[in-house]
Amino acid sequence: MKIGLFYGSTTCYTEMTAEKIQNFLGADLVDVFNIRDHSLADCLQYDLIIFGISTWDFGELQEDWESQWADVEQLDFSGKTVALYGQGDQEDYGDWFQDAMGMLFDVIVANHADVIGFWPNQGYQFNASKALTEDSSHFVGLSLDDEKQYELSQQRIEAWCVQILEEYAQK
């Protein structure tokens, strides 16, 4: 099995998370792609896909994702398993925390992706998020805030990596 990890990053936090995931799981298992330099259609070569996205300002998409959004909407994820992680600022943008991850989730689910890796929303301080599950108990993917909770990120990344491998193995 190979995992394709595709991310967009402006300030390097989402990129650093991609590198941490690859380091934890192993470079032999995870191929990493910056979507600024690679087509998102390349993700369809993988059975397990990880998407990394950050939320900007008032619930906006990161610029690389925004430039490829029409492509995301056209991809058919039938037979693909996808896990998401997001970067956001829960304090300064607490009304839009992880909204981009939620928007990406909505598109890929509509295009038949099987999503794994939901993450508990405990330990965060925010007002609203489009990235919450229907019952609001979890985010639709790993939620990170390297602006305000950097010291928690490595532990969260490692626990989430173990979680998605276990969930994928149960399929």
N, C-alpha and C. Protein backbone atom coordinates (compact mmCIF):
# COMPACT_ATOMS: atom_id res chain seq x y z
N MET A 1 0.84 -1.18 0.00
CA MET A 1 0.00 0.00 0.00
C MET A 1 0.89 1.25 0.00
N LYS A 2 0.49 2.23 -0.77
CA LYS A 2 1.12 3.55 -0.78
C LYS A 2 0.03 4.58 -0.48
N ILE A 3 0.43 5.61 0.23
CA ILE A 3 -0.47 6.70 0.57
C ILE A 3 -0.02 7.93 -0.20
N GLY A 4 -0.95 8.61 -0.83
CA GLY A 4 -0.66 9.87 -1.49
C GLY A 4 -1.13 11.02 -0.62
N LEU A 5 -0.22 11.88 -0.21
CA LEU A 5 -0.55 13.03 0.63
C LEU A 5 -0.41 14.29 -0.22
N PHE A 6 -1.49 15.02 -0.35
CA PHE A 6 -1.55 16.22 -1.18
C PHE A 6 -1.94 17.40 -0.29
N TYR A 7 -1.14 18.46 -0.34
CA TYR A 7 -1.39 19.61 0.53
C TYR A 7 -1.17 20.91 -0.24
N GLY A 8 -1.75 21.97 0.29
CA GLY A 8 -1.45 23.33 -0.15
C GLY A 8 -0.99 24.10 1.07
N SER A 9 0.02 24.96 0.92
CA SER A 9 0.56 25.64 2.08
C SER A 9 1.10 27.01 1.69
N THR A 10 0.74 28.00 2.47
CA THR A 10 1.24 29.36 2.25
C THR A 10 2.27 29.73 3.31
N THR A 11 1.99 29.43 4.55
CA THR A 11 2.88 29.84 5.65
C THR A 11 3.75 28.71 6.16
N CYS A 12 3.69 27.56 5.57
CA CYS A 12 4.52 26.39 5.84
C CYS A 12 3.94 25.45 6.89
N TYR A 13 2.93 25.83 7.66
CA TYR A 13 2.40 24.93 8.68
C TYR A 13 1.79 23.66 8.08
N THR A 14 1.03 23.79 7.02
CA THR A 14 0.41 22.62 6.40
C THR A 14 1.48 21.73 5.76
N GLU A 15 2.50 22.37 5.21
CA GLU A 15 3.62 21.62 4.64
C GLU A 15 4.40 20.89 5.74
N MET A 16 4.66 21.57 6.85
CA MET A 16 5.38 20.93 7.95
C MET A 16 4.58 19.73 8.49
N THR A 17 3.26 19.84 8.52
CA THR A 17 2.44 18.72 8.95
C THR A 17 2.58 17.55 7.98
N ALA A 18 2.60 17.84 6.69
CA ALA A 18 2.79 16.78 5.69
C ALA A 18 4.11 16.05 5.93
N GLU A 19 5.15 16.82 6.20
CA GLU A 19 6.46 16.22 6.45
C GLU A 19 6.45 15.38 7.73
N LYS A 20 5.77 15.86 8.76
CA LYS A 20 5.67 15.11 10.01
C LYS A 20 4.92 13.81 9.81
N ILE A 21 3.86 13.84 9.02
CA ILE A 21 3.10 12.61 8.73
C ILE A 21 3.99 11.63 7.98
N GLN A 22 4.68 12.13 6.96
CA GLN A 22 5.57 11.26 6.19
C GLN A 22 6.68 10.69 7.06
N ASN A 23 7.26 11.50 7.92
CA ASN A 23 8.33 11.02 8.81
C ASN A 23 7.81 9.96 9.77
N PHE A 24 6.61 10.17 10.30
CA PHE A 24 6.06 9.21 11.27
C PHE A 24 5.68 7.90 10.59
N LEU A 25 5.03 7.97 9.44
CA LEU A 25 4.58 6.76 8.74
C LEU A 25 5.67 6.13 7.89
N GLY A 26 6.62 6.94 7.45
CA GLY A 26 7.71 6.44 6.63
C GLY A 26 7.61 6.91 5.19
N ALA A 27 8.73 7.35 4.65
CA ALA A 27 8.77 7.83 3.27
C ALA A 27 8.50 6.72 2.28
N ASP A 28 8.73 5.48 2.68
CA ASP A 28 8.44 4.35 1.79
C ASP A 28 6.93 4.11 1.67
N LEU A 29 6.15 4.63 2.61
CA LEU A 29 4.69 4.45 2.61
C LEU A 29 3.96 5.67 2.08
N VAL A 30 4.51 6.87 2.29
CA VAL A 30 3.80 8.11 1.98
C VAL A 30 4.55 8.93 0.93
N ASP A 31 3.87 9.18 -0.20
CA ASP A 31 4.36 10.10 -1.22
C ASP A 31 3.71 11.45 -0.95
N VAL A 32 4.50 12.52 -0.90
CA VAL A 32 4.00 13.85 -0.56
C VAL A 32 4.06 14.76 -1.78
N PHE A 33 2.96 15.51 -2.00
CA PHE A 33 2.84 16.40 -3.15
C PHE A 33 2.29 17.75 -2.73
N ASN A 34 2.97 18.81 -3.13
CA ASN A 34 2.44 20.16 -2.96
C ASN A 34 1.55 20.43 -4.17
N ILE A 35 0.28 20.75 -3.95
CA ILE A 35 -0.64 20.90 -5.08
C ILE A 35 -0.33 22.13 -5.93
N ARG A 36 0.52 22.99 -5.44
CA ARG A 36 0.97 24.11 -6.26
C ARG A 36 1.75 23.58 -7.46
N ASP A 37 2.41 22.43 -7.29
CA ASP A 37 3.28 21.88 -8.33
C ASP A 37 2.74 20.61 -8.97
N HIS A 38 1.62 20.09 -8.46
CA HIS A 38 1.09 18.82 -8.96
C HIS A 38 -0.42 18.90 -9.13
N SER A 39 -0.90 18.21 -10.14
CA SER A 39 -2.34 18.15 -10.38
C SER A 39 -3.01 17.29 -9.31
N LEU A 40 -4.16 17.72 -8.86
CA LEU A 40 -4.91 16.92 -7.89
C LEU A 40 -5.38 15.61 -8.50
N ALA A 41 -5.50 15.53 -9.80
CA ALA A 41 -5.90 14.28 -10.45
C ALA A 41 -4.91 13.17 -10.15
N ASP A 42 -3.66 13.52 -9.83
CA ASP A 42 -2.65 12.51 -9.48
C ASP A 42 -3.05 11.71 -8.25
N CYS A 43 -3.90 12.28 -7.41
CA CYS A 43 -4.28 11.58 -6.18
C CYS A 43 -5.05 10.30 -6.48
N LEU A 44 -5.68 10.22 -7.64
CA LEU A 44 -6.49 9.05 -7.97
C LEU A 44 -5.65 7.80 -8.22
N GLN A 45 -4.34 7.94 -8.24
CA GLN A 45 -3.44 6.78 -8.36
C GLN A 45 -3.35 6.01 -7.05
N TYR A 46 -3.83 6.59 -5.97
CA TYR A 46 -3.69 6.01 -4.64
C TYR A 46 -5.04 5.54 -4.12
N ASP A 47 -5.03 4.43 -3.38
CA ASP A 47 -6.25 3.96 -2.74
C ASP A 47 -6.52 4.70 -1.45
N LEU A 48 -5.45 5.12 -0.75
CA LEU A 48 -5.57 5.93 0.46
C LEU A 48 -4.94 7.28 0.18
N ILE A 49 -5.74 8.33 0.35
CA ILE A 49 -5.32 9.70 0.04
C ILE A 49 -5.45 10.53 1.32
N ILE A 50 -4.46 11.37 1.56
CA ILE A 50 -4.55 12.35 2.63
C ILE A 50 -4.50 13.73 1.99
N PHE A 51 -5.46 14.57 2.35
CA PHE A 51 -5.47 15.96 1.90
C PHE A 51 -5.19 16.87 3.08
N GLY A 52 -4.26 17.82 2.91
CA GLY A 52 -3.96 18.82 3.91
C GLY A 52 -4.37 20.20 3.41
N ILE A 53 -5.18 20.89 4.21
CA ILE A 53 -5.73 22.18 3.80
C ILE A 53 -5.76 23.11 5.01
N SER A 54 -5.59 24.39 4.77
CA SER A 54 -5.69 25.37 5.85
C SER A 54 -6.82 26.34 5.55
N THR A 55 -7.35 26.90 6.62
CA THR A 55 -8.40 27.91 6.50
C THR A 55 -7.77 29.27 6.66
N TRP A 56 -8.14 30.18 5.77
CA TRP A 56 -7.59 31.52 5.77
C TRP A 56 -8.65 32.54 6.15
N ASP A 57 -8.23 33.52 6.89
CA ASP A 57 -9.06 34.66 7.25
C ASP A 57 -10.44 34.22 7.73
N PHE A 58 -11.45 34.68 7.06
CA PHE A 58 -12.83 34.46 7.51
C PHE A 58 -13.45 33.26 6.79
N GLY A 59 -12.83 32.09 6.96
CA GLY A 59 -13.35 30.86 6.40
C GLY A 59 -13.05 30.65 4.93
N GLU A 60 -11.91 31.14 4.47
CA GLU A 60 -11.56 31.05 3.06
C GLU A 60 -10.57 29.91 2.81
N LEU A 61 -10.54 29.46 1.56
CA LEU A 61 -9.61 28.42 1.13
C LEU A 61 -8.20 28.98 1.00
N GLN A 62 -7.22 28.15 1.27
CA GLN A 62 -5.82 28.49 1.01
C GLN A 62 -5.68 28.65 -0.51
N GLU A 63 -4.81 29.54 -0.95
CA GLU A 63 -4.74 29.94 -2.36
C GLU A 63 -4.48 28.79 -3.34
N ASP A 64 -3.64 27.82 -2.99
CA ASP A 64 -3.39 26.70 -3.90
C ASP A 64 -4.64 25.85 -4.07
N TRP A 65 -5.37 25.62 -2.98
CA TRP A 65 -6.62 24.88 -3.06
C TRP A 65 -7.66 25.66 -3.85
N GLU A 66 -7.71 26.95 -3.62
CA GLU A 66 -8.68 27.78 -4.34
C GLU A 66 -8.43 27.72 -5.84
N SER A 67 -7.17 27.72 -6.25
CA SER A 67 -6.84 27.70 -7.68
C SER A 67 -7.19 26.35 -8.33
N GLN A 68 -7.32 25.29 -7.53
CA GLN A 68 -7.64 23.96 -8.08
C GLN A 68 -9.03 23.47 -7.66
N TRP A 69 -9.83 24.36 -7.09
CA TRP A 69 -11.12 23.94 -6.55
C TRP A 69 -12.02 23.33 -7.61
N ALA A 70 -12.05 23.89 -8.81
CA ALA A 70 -12.88 23.33 -9.89
C ALA A 70 -12.44 21.91 -10.22
N ASP A 71 -11.14 21.64 -10.12
CA ASP A 71 -10.64 20.29 -10.38
C ASP A 71 -11.11 19.32 -9.30
N VAL A 72 -11.08 19.76 -8.04
CA VAL A 72 -11.54 18.91 -6.94
C VAL A 72 -13.00 18.52 -7.17
N GLU A 73 -13.79 19.47 -7.59
CA GLU A 73 -15.22 19.23 -7.79
C GLU A 73 -15.49 18.23 -8.92
N GLN A 74 -14.52 18.03 -9.80
CA GLN A 74 -14.70 17.12 -10.94
C GLN A 74 -14.16 15.71 -10.69
N LEU A 75 -13.40 15.52 -9.64
CA LEU A 75 -12.78 14.21 -9.39
C LEU A 75 -13.80 13.22 -8.84
N ASP A 76 -13.72 11.99 -9.33
CA ASP A 76 -14.57 10.90 -8.84
C ASP A 76 -13.74 10.07 -7.87
N PHE A 77 -14.14 10.09 -6.60
CA PHE A 77 -13.40 9.38 -5.57
C PHE A 77 -13.98 7.99 -5.28
N SER A 78 -14.77 7.46 -6.18
CA SER A 78 -15.33 6.12 -5.98
C SER A 78 -14.20 5.11 -5.75
N GLY A 79 -14.35 4.32 -4.69
CA GLY A 79 -13.35 3.31 -4.37
C GLY A 79 -12.12 3.87 -3.66
N LYS A 80 -12.11 5.15 -3.36
CA LYS A 80 -10.96 5.77 -2.70
C LYS A 80 -11.29 6.07 -1.24
N THR A 81 -10.30 5.92 -0.40
CA THR A 81 -10.42 6.28 1.01
C THR A 81 -9.60 7.54 1.22
N VAL A 82 -10.21 8.53 1.88
CA VAL A 82 -9.57 9.82 2.05
C VAL A 82 -9.57 10.20 3.53
N ALA A 83 -8.46 10.74 3.98
CA ALA A 83 -8.35 11.31 5.32
C ALA A 83 -7.93 12.77 5.15
N LEU A 84 -8.44 13.62 6.01
CA LEU A 84 -8.18 15.06 5.91
C LEU A 84 -7.47 15.56 7.16
N TYR A 85 -6.62 16.55 6.97
CA TYR A 85 -6.12 17.32 8.11
C TYR A 85 -6.18 18.78 7.74
N GLY A 86 -6.39 19.60 8.75
CA GLY A 86 -6.50 21.03 8.52
C GLY A 86 -5.71 21.83 9.53
N GLN A 87 -5.28 22.99 9.10
CA GLN A 87 -4.64 23.97 9.96
C GLN A 87 -5.58 25.17 10.07
N GLY A 88 -5.68 25.72 11.25
CA GLY A 88 -6.51 26.90 11.45
C GLY A 88 -6.11 27.61 12.73
N ASP A 89 -6.68 28.78 12.93
CA ASP A 89 -6.41 29.60 14.11
C ASP A 89 -7.72 29.72 14.89
N GLN A 90 -7.82 28.95 15.96
CA GLN A 90 -9.07 28.85 16.70
C GLN A 90 -9.40 30.10 17.51
N GLU A 91 -8.42 30.88 17.87
CA GLU A 91 -8.68 32.06 18.69
C GLU A 91 -8.99 33.30 17.86
N ASP A 92 -8.13 33.63 16.91
CA ASP A 92 -8.34 34.83 16.12
C ASP A 92 -9.43 34.67 15.06
N TYR A 93 -9.69 33.43 14.65
CA TYR A 93 -10.72 33.16 13.64
C TYR A 93 -11.66 32.06 14.13
N GLY A 94 -12.09 32.19 15.37
CA GLY A 94 -12.91 31.17 16.02
C GLY A 94 -14.28 30.95 15.44
N ASP A 95 -14.77 31.87 14.63
CA ASP A 95 -16.07 31.68 13.98
C ASP A 95 -15.95 30.90 12.68
N TRP A 96 -14.73 30.64 12.24
CA TRP A 96 -14.50 29.96 10.97
C TRP A 96 -13.44 28.87 11.11
N PHE A 97 -13.24 28.35 12.29
CA PHE A 97 -12.16 27.41 12.55
C PHE A 97 -12.32 26.15 11.71
N GLN A 98 -11.34 25.87 10.89
CA GLN A 98 -11.28 24.68 10.03
C GLN A 98 -12.36 24.65 8.95
N ASP A 99 -12.93 25.79 8.61
CA ASP A 99 -13.99 25.80 7.60
C ASP A 99 -13.53 25.21 6.26
N ALA A 100 -12.30 25.48 5.84
CA ALA A 100 -11.83 24.95 4.56
C ALA A 100 -11.83 23.43 4.55
N MET A 101 -11.46 22.82 5.67
CA MET A 101 -11.50 21.36 5.76
C MET A 101 -12.93 20.87 5.61
N GLY A 102 -13.87 21.56 6.20
CA GLY A 102 -15.27 21.20 6.06
C GLY A 102 -15.77 21.34 4.63
N MET A 103 -15.35 22.39 3.95
CA MET A 103 -15.75 22.58 2.56
C MET A 103 -15.16 21.48 1.68
N LEU A 104 -13.90 21.11 1.92
CA LEU A 104 -13.28 20.03 1.16
C LEU A 104 -13.99 18.71 1.43
N PHE A 105 -14.31 18.45 2.67
CA PHE A 105 -15.06 17.24 3.03
C PHE A 105 -16.36 17.15 2.26
N ASP A 106 -17.11 18.23 2.23
CA ASP A 106 -18.40 18.23 1.53
C ASP A 106 -18.25 17.87 0.05
N VAL A 107 -17.22 18.40 -0.59
CA VAL A 107 -17.02 18.13 -2.02
C VAL A 107 -16.61 16.69 -2.25
N ILE A 108 -15.66 16.19 -1.48
CA ILE A 108 -15.18 14.82 -1.76
C ILE A 108 -16.23 13.77 -1.40
N VAL A 109 -17.03 14.02 -0.37
CA VAL A 109 -18.10 13.07 -0.03
C VAL A 109 -19.16 13.07 -1.14
N ALA A 110 -19.48 14.24 -1.65
CA ALA A 110 -20.43 14.32 -2.77
C ALA A 110 -19.89 13.58 -4.00
N ASN A 111 -18.57 13.46 -4.09
CA ASN A 111 -17.93 12.76 -5.21
C ASN A 111 -17.49 11.35 -4.82
N HIS A 112 -18.18 10.78 -3.83
CA HIS A 112 -18.09 9.35 -3.48
C HIS A 112 -16.86 8.92 -2.69
N ALA A 113 -16.17 9.82 -2.04
CA ALA A 113 -15.03 9.42 -1.20
C ALA A 113 -15.53 8.75 0.07
N ASP A 114 -14.79 7.77 0.51
CA ASP A 114 -15.01 7.15 1.82
C ASP A 114 -14.01 7.82 2.77
N VAL A 115 -14.51 8.62 3.69
CA VAL A 115 -13.64 9.43 4.55
C VAL A 115 -13.42 8.74 5.89
N ILE A 116 -12.17 8.69 6.32
CA ILE A 116 -11.79 8.16 7.62
C ILE A 116 -11.02 9.25 8.37
N GLY A 117 -10.74 9.00 9.64
CA GLY A 117 -9.88 9.90 10.39
C GLY A 117 -10.58 11.04 11.10
N PHE A 118 -11.87 10.87 11.42
CA PHE A 118 -12.56 11.92 12.18
C PHE A 118 -11.85 12.11 13.51
N TRP A 119 -11.81 13.36 13.99
CA TRP A 119 -10.99 13.70 15.15
C TRP A 119 -11.85 14.40 16.20
N PRO A 120 -11.74 14.00 17.48
CA PRO A 120 -12.55 14.62 18.53
C PRO A 120 -12.31 16.13 18.61
N ASN A 121 -13.37 16.88 18.94
CA ASN A 121 -13.22 18.33 19.00
C ASN A 121 -12.91 18.84 20.40
N GLN A 122 -12.59 17.95 21.31
CA GLN A 122 -12.20 18.37 22.66
C GLN A 122 -10.79 18.95 22.64
N GLY A 123 -10.57 19.95 23.50
CA GLY A 123 -9.25 20.55 23.62
C GLY A 123 -9.05 21.76 22.71
N TYR A 124 -10.11 22.24 22.12
CA TYR A 124 -10.05 23.40 21.24
C TYR A 124 -11.02 24.46 21.77
N GLN A 125 -10.73 25.71 21.48
CA GLN A 125 -11.61 26.83 21.86
C GLN A 125 -11.99 27.59 20.60
N PHE A 126 -13.21 27.36 20.11
CA PHE A 126 -13.68 28.03 18.91
C PHE A 126 -15.19 28.20 19.02
N ASN A 127 -15.74 29.06 18.18
CA ASN A 127 -17.18 29.33 18.22
C ASN A 127 -17.97 28.51 17.21
N ALA A 128 -17.42 28.34 16.01
CA ALA A 128 -18.15 27.66 14.94
C ALA A 128 -17.16 27.04 13.97
N SER A 129 -17.62 26.01 13.26
CA SER A 129 -16.79 25.36 12.26
C SER A 129 -17.65 24.57 11.28
N LYS A 130 -17.33 24.70 10.00
CA LYS A 130 -17.97 23.90 8.97
C LYS A 130 -17.37 22.50 8.92
N ALA A 131 -16.34 22.25 9.72
CA ALA A 131 -15.65 20.97 9.70
C ALA A 131 -16.12 20.01 10.78
N LEU A 132 -17.23 20.30 11.42
CA LEU A 132 -17.75 19.40 12.45
C LEU A 132 -18.65 18.34 11.83
N THR A 133 -18.64 17.15 12.42
CA THR A 133 -19.54 16.10 11.98
C THR A 133 -20.98 16.51 12.29
N GLU A 134 -21.92 15.76 11.77
CA GLU A 134 -23.33 16.08 11.94
C GLU A 134 -23.73 16.23 13.40
N ASP A 135 -23.16 15.40 14.28
CA ASP A 135 -23.50 15.49 15.71
C ASP A 135 -22.57 16.45 16.47
N SER A 136 -21.67 17.12 15.75
CA SER A 136 -20.74 18.12 16.29
C SER A 136 -19.74 17.57 17.31
N SER A 137 -19.59 16.26 17.40
CA SER A 137 -18.67 15.69 18.39
C SER A 137 -17.24 15.56 17.85
N HIS A 138 -17.08 15.61 16.55
CA HIS A 138 -15.77 15.41 15.92
C HIS A 138 -15.59 16.40 14.77
N PHE A 139 -14.33 16.62 14.45
CA PHE A 139 -14.00 17.27 13.18
C PHE A 139 -13.97 16.19 12.11
N VAL A 140 -14.13 16.57 10.85
CA VAL A 140 -14.12 15.60 9.76
C VAL A 140 -12.70 15.16 9.41
N GLY A 141 -11.72 15.64 10.14
CA GLY A 141 -10.33 15.25 9.97
C GLY A 141 -9.51 15.80 11.12
N LEU A 142 -8.23 15.53 11.09
CA LEU A 142 -7.34 16.02 12.14
C LEU A 142 -7.31 17.54 12.12
N SER A 143 -7.57 18.14 13.26
CA SER A 143 -7.60 19.58 13.39
C SER A 143 -6.36 20.05 14.14
N LEU A 144 -5.60 20.93 13.50
CA LEU A 144 -4.37 21.46 14.11
C LEU A 144 -4.41 22.99 14.13
N ASP A 145 -3.81 23.54 15.15
CA ASP A 145 -3.65 24.99 15.27
C ASP A 145 -2.22 25.25 15.69
N ASP A 146 -1.33 25.33 14.70
CA ASP A 146 0.08 25.55 15.00
C ASP A 146 0.37 26.98 15.41
N GLU A 147 -0.61 27.86 15.30
CA GLU A 147 -0.46 29.23 15.80
C GLU A 147 -0.59 29.27 17.32
N LYS A 148 -1.59 28.55 17.85
CA LYS A 148 -1.91 28.66 19.28
C LYS A 148 -1.64 27.38 20.08
N GLN A 149 -1.55 26.23 19.40
CA GLN A 149 -1.35 24.95 20.11
C GLN A 149 -0.26 24.11 19.46
N TYR A 150 0.81 24.74 19.06
CA TYR A 150 1.90 24.03 18.38
C TYR A 150 2.41 22.86 19.21
N GLU A 151 2.47 23.05 20.52
CA GLU A 151 3.03 22.02 21.41
C GLU A 151 2.19 20.75 21.41
N LEU A 152 0.96 20.79 20.93
CA LEU A 152 0.09 19.61 20.89
C LEU A 152 0.12 18.90 19.53
N SER A 153 0.67 19.55 18.54
CA SER A 153 0.55 19.03 17.17
C SER A 153 1.22 17.68 16.95
N GLN A 154 2.44 17.50 17.40
CA GLN A 154 3.14 16.24 17.14
C GLN A 154 2.38 15.06 17.73
N GLN A 155 1.94 15.19 18.95
CA GLN A 155 1.18 14.12 19.60
C GLN A 155 -0.12 13.84 18.85
N ARG A 156 -0.81 14.88 18.44
CA ARG A 156 -2.05 14.71 17.68
C ARG A 156 -1.79 14.04 16.34
N ILE A 157 -0.73 14.46 15.65
CA ILE A 157 -0.40 13.87 14.35
C ILE A 157 -0.12 12.38 14.50
N GLU A 158 0.68 12.01 15.48
CA GLU A 158 1.03 10.61 15.65
C GLU A 158 -0.20 9.76 16.00
N ALA A 159 -1.03 10.25 16.89
CA ALA A 159 -2.24 9.50 17.26
C ALA A 159 -3.17 9.36 16.06
N TRP A 160 -3.30 10.41 15.28
CA TRP A 160 -4.17 10.38 14.10
C TRP A 160 -3.63 9.43 13.03
N CYS A 161 -2.32 9.42 12.84
CA CYS A 161 -1.73 8.50 11.86
C CYS A 161 -2.02 7.05 12.22
N VAL A 162 -1.86 6.71 13.48
CA VAL A 162 -2.18 5.36 13.94
C VAL A 162 -3.67 5.09 13.70
N GLN A 163 -4.50 6.06 14.03
CA GLN A 163 -5.95 5.91 13.86
C GLN A 163 -6.32 5.64 12.40
N ILE A 164 -5.77 6.42 11.45
CA ILE A 164 -6.18 6.21 10.06
C ILE A 164 -5.67 4.89 9.51
N LEU A 165 -4.50 4.46 9.94
CA LEU A 165 -4.00 3.15 9.49
C LEU A 165 -4.90 2.03 10.02
N GLU A 166 -5.32 2.14 11.28
CA GLU A 166 -6.22 1.14 11.85
C GLU A 166 -7.57 1.14 11.15
N GLU A 167 -8.12 2.32 10.89
CA GLU A 167 -9.40 2.41 10.20
C GLU A 167 -9.30 1.87 8.78
N TYR A 168 -8.22 2.18 8.09
CA TYR A 168 -8.04 1.69 6.74
C TYR A 168 -7.91 0.16 6.72
N ALA A 169 -7.20 -0.39 7.68
CA ALA A 169 -7.00 -1.84 7.76
C ALA A 169 -8.32 -2.57 8.02
N GLN A 170 -9.26 -1.91 8.64
CA GLN A 170 -10.57 -2.53 8.94
C GLN A 170 -11.50 -2.52 7.74
N LYS A 171 -11.13 -1.90 6.67
CA LYS A 171 -12.00 -1.81 5.48
C LYS A 171 -12.00 -3.11 4.73
